[in-house]
Each structure stands twice: as structure tokens, then as C-alpha cells.
Amino acid sequence: MRTRAKICGITRVDDVHAVVNSGADAIGFVFYPPSPRSVTKEQAKELIQHVPAYVQTVGLFVNASADDIQHVLKDVPLDMLQFHGDETPEQCQEIAAQVGRRWYKAIQVKPGLDIQAEIQDYQDAGASAVLLDAWHPDLKGGTGHSFDWSTFPKLNIPLILAGGLNPDNIEQAILTTQAYAVDVSGGVESAKGIKDQQLIERFMQGVLRGSAK
């Protein structure tokens, strides 16, 4: 089975087309104003109109309330929610039920964290997947850093690898982790929030090579 791939932090129509044409499975929109890749509800409404069927749309939220997310969903028909803050399993479960969307949780791989227990807690709460990202004391993703891939667990839940991925290391990342999916943002950019079509294409070529081995 080919490793799935999501390109996150899309801010321009041209980048939507680049992601779709590359064969990526999902497009991520960031609804977190401190991020340089953040989009408004109005921007996302325009961008999502250029996403064809069979390409999934994911909304990234950081410590947002159900009302905040519902406000976005009124105009932006996202397929999936990505909780990327300090949301507990119970909070994720409750918000998802209120807004009627499937969801997954991003977990930063901190030193000393019992990652398998953490994953299990979110799986028990109904997560469709769990994303593992590099830990940073201040930033909520988009750090450009990776964690030790040899610690990537093998569990009976779809696990998504993120953090520091780029066209040069994605093949090895997939071979090492056997992740269900990979998630990239800064690794395919020419500037923060500005995607590079050639880097996206090279990244997806690496995904295919890593999946085939």
C-alpha cells in the first residue's frame, strides 16, 4: 500500500493546483493566526473551491472551541479536523461530536513521554489517526525539526509522520518508520506559506519510492 501524503499550510490557489497535480492525498489549511501559514475563513472558502473530489481537505486547529470550528465549517466544508494544540482526548471527542467531523490528533514527541499510552488514549476517544511531530517548547508544529525516527511505534492505528520532512529525506523516513501517512509543510516551501511546485513534485516522487521498497 502506498504511503498517503498530505501537504499542509496551503495559502494560494496555485499551490492547491500544485498539490493536486502532484498526486497528494490531502491538503491542509491552517486556522491558527500566529502561524505564517494561517488562512482566514474567507481565504479557505476560496481555496477549497479548487480542490477536486477524492482529495481530502483537513483543517488544522490549535486549542480552538467547538464554536470557533463550527464558524469555519459554515463556509468551509472540511473533511477532517486536525487538533494540533493541547486538546485532551475528551475535548477532541466532544468537539468532533458537536461539529460532526472525523478527527485526528497531533502529538509532539517529547523526551520521556509514554507515546504508546498517549496514542492509545486518543484512539480510545475515537481518533481516526494520530500524527507524531517533533517537540518544540514554544511552537505548535512547523518547526522544520524531526525526531528520532527509530522510536516511531508500530501500532494498530494509522500513524502519520511529520516534522522536518523534505524531498531529500522522505524516502528514508518512510523506509524507517513504515508510517501510514506523511505530512509536510515547510519542507516544500520557497518561503513561509509559499509552496514550491518542484519541491512538491520531488517530495511525492520520494513518497512513491519509499512506498515501493
Foldseek 3Di string as FASTA:
>chain_A
DFAAEEEELAQDLVVLVLLVVLPHQEYEAECDVVAPSHDDLVSLLVNQVSHDPRRAYEYEDEPDALVVVLVSCVRHVHAEYEYQYDDFLVRVLVSCVVNVHAYEYEDADDPPDPVVVRQVRNVVSRHQEYEYEHDDPPDRDPPLAADDLLPQDDDDHQYEYEYNDWLVCLLVSCLRNVHNHYYYYVRQAPDRSHGDSVRSNSNSVSSVNSRVD
